[in-house]
Protein backbone atom coordinates (compact mmCIF):
# COMPACT_ATOMS: atom_id res chain seq x y z
CA MET A 1 108.99 99.24 124.28
CA SER A 2 109.36 96.91 121.31
CA ILE A 3 109.18 98.20 117.76
CA GLN A 4 108.47 96.17 114.65
CA ILE A 5 108.60 97.57 111.12
CA LEU A 6 108.49 96.09 107.65
CA ASN A 7 111.34 97.14 105.38
CA PRO A 8 110.24 96.76 101.74
CA LYS A 9 113.52 98.18 100.46
CA GLY A 10 117.21 97.69 101.01
CA MET A 11 119.16 94.51 101.78
CA ASN A 12 116.45 93.54 104.27
CA SER A 13 113.85 93.56 101.50
CA GLY A 14 110.73 91.67 102.53
CA LYS A 15 112.15 91.21 106.00
CA ILE A 16 110.77 92.39 109.30
CA ILE A 17 113.12 94.30 111.54
CA SER A 18 112.38 94.25 115.24
CA TRP A 19 114.21 95.61 118.24
CA SER A 20 113.51 96.71 121.77
CA THR A 21 114.21 100.10 123.26
CA THR A 22 113.60 101.66 126.63
């Protein structure tokens, strides 16, 4: 399963974090 979330705060501001998990 792949997850994709938008992080409006923190160092990754305005960046999209995506990763895959079982």
